[in-house]
Amino acid sequence: MYKALFNIFFPKVCYCCQNILADGELTLCTECRHRLPVTQFHFNNDNSVINVLYGRVKVEHATALLRFEKKGITQKLLHQLKYKGQEQIGSFLGDWLGGDLQTLEEYKSIDAVIPVPLHKNKLRKRGYNQVAKFGIQLANALNAEYIDHVLIKINHSNSQVFKNRLSRWTTSDAVFSIQYPEKINNKHILLVDDIITTGATMEACANLLLRSKNVKISIATMAIA
């Protein structure tokens, strides 16, 4: 009764269309969830994500849950996650993709999930890493360790949203660092981020992680542009 009363005054709304959620709907309404451009890369042996990084870094497996287009529904969702404090969207997408990946043999060897980090100044300002809950849910689904203290961001860079392809690539160099490298020795790591565009960020992070002993890298992102 109290829950019903609370929902009258503070109704839960869909993070895409802002309509009130029906009973049983979480985070997104059924209509918006069906409108999401799901890639199915991991089910269709599609190498679109690996191809972004082809010749630049060795990746075992890679996938993205959604396709990203400017002014599209995925952009609206990620905007709510990244700039409006709606961290539960990360959990929602992590649960979704984690449920898919745990059924696939390729991802059963994952030992650890590592998120692309934020610089400490941006983390302090925003209050959270938008990739954290996504990564935590993937780790839970894959029975893997979630590690967020080995890969760190040492240089603060401005948002890459309005940068061109070359600018994104050059500004990702020398931005990240590794501490406690022994903690990832002999591990198959799933490196996670919100979106992959040029692949510059993933390339920089993956190449650093690969310097540790006998490390393998796979990649999972919420979206691909």
Protein backbone atom coordinates (compact mmCIF):
# COMPACT_ATOMS: atom_id res chain seq x y z
CA MET A 1 0.00 0.00 0.00
CA TYR A 2 2.79 2.41 0.94
CA LYS A 3 4.68 1.54 -2.24
CA ALA A 4 1.60 2.23 -4.36
CA LEU A 5 1.06 5.55 -2.57
CA PHE A 6 4.70 6.52 -3.07
CA ASN A 7 4.45 5.75 -6.79
CA ILE A 8 1.46 8.07 -7.12
CA PHE A 9 3.50 11.07 -5.94
CA PHE A 10 6.91 9.95 -7.24
CA PRO A 11 6.22 7.75 -10.27
CA LYS A 12 9.07 5.88 -11.94
CA VAL A 13 9.52 6.97 -15.53
CA CYS A 14 11.23 5.52 -18.57
CA TYR A 15 14.69 7.02 -19.04
CA CYS A 16 14.16 7.30 -22.79
CA CYS A 17 10.63 8.57 -23.35
CA GLN A 18 9.89 9.83 -19.80
CA ASN A 19 6.52 8.05 -19.72
CA ILE A 20 5.45 6.44 -16.46
CA LEU A 21 6.56 2.83 -16.17
CA ALA A 22 3.92 0.14 -15.85
CA ASP A 23 4.06 -2.55 -13.16
CA GLY A 24 6.88 -4.96 -13.94
CA GLU A 25 8.80 -2.47 -16.10
CA LEU A 26 12.23 -1.41 -14.89
CA THR A 27 14.41 1.45 -16.19
CA LEU A 28 12.83 1.39 -19.67
CA CYS A 29 9.26 0.93 -20.85
CA THR A 30 8.57 -2.09 -23.02
CA GLU A 31 8.16 0.04 -26.15
CA CYS A 32 11.54 1.78 -25.74
CA ARG A 33 13.31 -1.48 -24.95
CA HIS A 34 11.98 -2.97 -28.18
CA ARG A 35 13.17 0.12 -30.08
CA LEU A 36 16.76 -0.19 -28.88
CA PRO A 37 19.10 -1.06 -31.77
CA VAL A 38 20.57 -4.28 -30.36
CA THR A 39 23.61 -5.52 -32.29
CA GLN A 40 23.60 -9.26 -31.47
CA PHE A 41 27.34 -9.25 -32.37
CA HIS A 42 28.22 -11.91 -29.79
CA PHE A 43 25.53 -14.28 -31.03
CA ASN A 44 26.26 -13.76 -34.72
CA ASN A 45 30.07 -14.01 -34.61
CA ASP A 46 30.18 -10.44 -35.89
CA ASN A 47 33.67 -8.91 -35.66
CA SER A 48 32.63 -5.26 -35.99
CA VAL A 49 34.23 -4.27 -32.67
CA ILE A 50 37.43 -6.24 -33.30
CA ASN A 51 37.65 -4.66 -36.76
CA VAL A 52 37.77 -1.18 -35.18
CA LEU A 53 41.00 -2.25 -33.48
CA TYR A 54 42.39 -4.40 -36.28
CA GLY A 55 46.17 -4.21 -36.52
CA ARG A 56 46.45 -2.02 -33.41
CA VAL A 57 45.94 -4.37 -30.48
CA LYS A 58 45.37 -8.10 -30.01
CA VAL A 59 41.85 -8.85 -28.81
CA GLU A 60 40.39 -12.29 -28.13
CA HIS A 61 36.69 -11.47 -28.33
CA ALA A 62 34.71 -8.23 -28.50
CA THR A 63 31.12 -7.08 -28.54
CA ALA A 64 28.85 -4.08 -28.06
CA LEU A 65 25.25 -4.33 -26.89
CA LEU A 66 23.73 -1.41 -28.83
CA ARG A 67 24.31 0.71 -31.92
CA PHE A 68 24.80 4.43 -31.33
CA GLU A 69 23.53 7.17 -33.63
CA LYS A 70 23.38 10.90 -32.98
CA LYS A 71 19.97 11.94 -31.64
CA GLY A 72 18.99 8.26 -31.46
CA ILE A 73 17.50 6.35 -28.56
CA THR A 74 20.89 4.95 -27.46
CA GLN A 75 22.32 8.46 -27.20
CA LYS A 76 19.38 9.51 -25.02
CA LEU A 77 19.96 6.54 -22.74
CA LEU A 78 23.71 7.09 -22.40
CA HIS A 79 23.17 10.82 -21.82
CA GLN A 80 20.94 10.00 -18.84
CA LEU A 81 23.60 7.64 -17.52
CA LYS A 82 26.60 9.90 -18.03
CA TYR A 83 25.28 13.37 -17.26
CA LYS A 84 22.04 12.96 -15.29
CA GLY A 85 23.24 10.66 -12.51
CA GLN A 86 21.10 7.70 -13.57
CA GLU A 87 23.60 4.97 -12.64
CA GLN A 88 20.94 2.27 -12.66
CA ILE A 89 21.05 2.41 -16.47
CA GLY A 90 24.55 0.95 -16.24
CA SER A 91 23.25 -1.88 -14.07
CA PHE A 92 20.37 -2.48 -16.48
CA LEU A 93 22.67 -2.74 -19.51
CA GLY A 94 25.21 -4.82 -17.58
CA ASP A 95 22.52 -7.29 -16.53
CA TRP A 96 21.30 -7.51 -20.11
CA LEU A 97 24.69 -8.07 -21.73
CA GLY A 98 25.89 -10.25 -18.85
CA GLY A 99 22.92 -12.55 -19.32
CA ASP A 100 23.90 -12.94 -22.97
CA LEU A 101 27.63 -13.48 -22.43
CA GLN A 102 27.28 -16.04 -19.65
CA THR A 103 25.68 -18.40 -22.18
CA LEU A 104 28.68 -18.23 -24.54
CA GLU A 105 31.75 -20.45 -24.23
CA GLU A 106 34.12 -17.70 -25.38
CA TYR A 107 33.40 -15.57 -22.33
CA LYS A 108 33.46 -18.30 -19.68
CA SER A 109 37.23 -17.96 -19.33
CA ILE A 110 37.02 -14.31 -18.24
CA ASP A 111 38.88 -13.89 -14.92
CA ALA A 112 38.47 -10.17 -14.33
CA VAL A 113 36.44 -7.20 -15.53
CA ILE A 114 38.23 -3.84 -15.70
CA PRO A 115 36.46 -0.56 -16.54
CA VAL A 116 38.03 2.27 -18.51
CA PRO A 117 38.79 4.71 -15.67
CA LEU A 118 37.98 8.36 -15.13
CA HIS A 119 40.57 10.86 -13.98
CA LYS A 120 40.25 11.51 -10.24
CA ASN A 121 39.19 15.14 -10.86
CA LYS A 122 36.34 14.11 -13.18
CA LEU A 123 35.36 11.28 -10.83
CA ARG A 124 35.18 13.75 -7.95
CA LYS A 125 33.07 16.16 -10.00
CA ARG A 126 30.67 13.56 -11.42
CA GLY A 127 30.63 11.36 -8.33
CA TYR A 128 30.77 8.06 -10.20
CA ASN A 129 32.29 6.28 -13.18
CA GLN A 130 29.45 5.68 -15.62
CA VAL A 131 30.98 2.33 -16.58
CA ALA A 132 31.29 0.99 -13.02
CA LYS A 133 27.89 -0.60 -12.50
CA PHE A 134 27.90 -1.96 -16.05
CA GLY A 135 31.22 -3.66 -15.29
CA ILE A 136 30.12 -4.93 -11.88
CA GLN A 137 27.06 -6.61 -13.33
CA LEU A 138 29.12 -8.20 -16.10
CA ALA A 139 31.58 -9.50 -13.50
CA ASN A 140 28.73 -10.96 -11.45
CA ALA A 141 27.24 -12.68 -14.49
CA LEU A 142 30.60 -14.15 -15.53
CA ASN A 143 31.71 -15.09 -11.99
CA ALA A 144 34.71 -12.84 -12.50
CA GLU A 145 36.56 -10.39 -10.28
CA TYR A 146 35.80 -6.69 -10.70
CA ILE A 147 39.05 -4.71 -10.58
CA ASP A 148 39.01 -0.91 -10.70
CA HIS A 149 42.32 0.00 -9.06
CA VAL A 150 44.88 -1.38 -11.53
CA LEU A 151 44.13 0.70 -14.63
CA ILE A 152 44.15 4.41 -13.79
CA LYS A 153 43.85 7.66 -15.72
CA ILE A 154 46.79 9.96 -15.00
CA ASN A 155 46.09 12.88 -17.35
CA HIS A 156 42.88 14.86 -17.28
CA SER A 157 41.44 15.35 -20.78
CA ASN A 158 38.35 17.20 -21.89
CA SER A 159 35.32 15.40 -23.26
CA GLN A 160 35.96 13.72 -26.62
CA VAL A 161 32.37 14.12 -27.81
CA PHE A 162 33.18 16.93 -30.28
CA LYS A 163 36.69 15.83 -31.28
CA ASN A 164 37.44 14.39 -34.69
CA ARG A 165 38.91 10.95 -35.25
CA LEU A 166 42.57 12.09 -35.32
CA SER A 167 42.22 14.26 -32.22
CA ARG A 168 40.69 11.39 -30.25
CA TRP A 169 43.52 9.08 -31.25
CA THR A 170 46.35 11.48 -30.34
CA THR A 171 44.89 12.59 -27.01
CA SER A 172 44.52 9.00 -25.78
CA ASP A 173 48.31 8.51 -25.86
CA ALA A 174 50.04 8.65 -22.45
CA VAL A 175 46.74 9.24 -20.64
CA PHE A 176 46.53 5.95 -18.74
CA SER A 177 48.83 4.00 -16.44
CA ILE A 178 49.01 0.66 -14.63
CA GLN A 179 49.59 0.10 -10.93
CA TYR A 180 49.92 -3.28 -9.17
CA PRO A 181 50.45 -5.08 -12.51
CA GLU A 182 51.02 -8.38 -10.70
CA LYS A 183 47.33 -8.45 -9.78
CA ILE A 184 46.37 -9.17 -13.39
CA ASN A 185 49.15 -11.61 -14.32
CA ASN A 186 47.86 -14.73 -16.12
CA LYS A 187 44.31 -13.37 -16.40
CA HIS A 188 41.81 -13.11 -19.22
CA ILE A 189 40.49 -9.57 -18.81
CA LEU A 190 37.22 -8.13 -20.07
CA LEU A 191 37.86 -4.41 -20.66
CA VAL A 192 34.61 -2.42 -20.58
CA ASP A 193 33.52 1.08 -21.60
CA ASP A 194 30.33 2.92 -22.47
CA ILE A 195 30.96 3.46 -26.18
CA ILE A 196 33.60 2.61 -28.76
CA THR A 197 34.10 5.02 -31.66
CA THR A 198 37.63 5.20 -33.08
CA GLY A 199 38.92 2.65 -30.57
CA ALA A 200 41.73 4.96 -29.40
CA THR A 201 40.81 4.70 -25.73
CA MET A 202 40.45 0.93 -25.85
CA GLU A 203 43.73 0.61 -27.73
CA ALA A 204 45.62 2.66 -25.14
CA CYS A 205 44.13 0.75 -22.20
CA ALA A 206 44.47 -2.71 -23.73
CA ASN A 207 48.10 -2.22 -24.73
CA LEU A 208 48.97 -1.21 -21.17
CA LEU A 209 47.19 -4.22 -19.69
CA LEU A 210 48.93 -6.54 -22.16
CA ARG A 211 52.29 -5.57 -20.69
CA SER A 212 51.54 -7.71 -17.65
CA LYS A 213 52.53 -11.37 -17.74
CA ASN A 214 50.39 -13.70 -19.88
CA VAL A 215 47.38 -11.39 -20.13
CA LYS A 216 44.58 -11.80 -22.68
CA ILE A 217 42.09 -9.05 -23.50
CA SER A 218 38.46 -9.17 -24.56
CA ILE A 219 36.20 -6.13 -24.88
CA ALA A 220 32.58 -5.30 -24.10
CA THR A 221 30.91 -1.92 -24.48
CA MET A 222 27.41 -0.60 -24.04
CA ALA A 223 27.39 0.80 -27.57
CA ILE A 224 29.33 1.17 -30.82
CA ALA A 225 29.20 4.30 -32.95
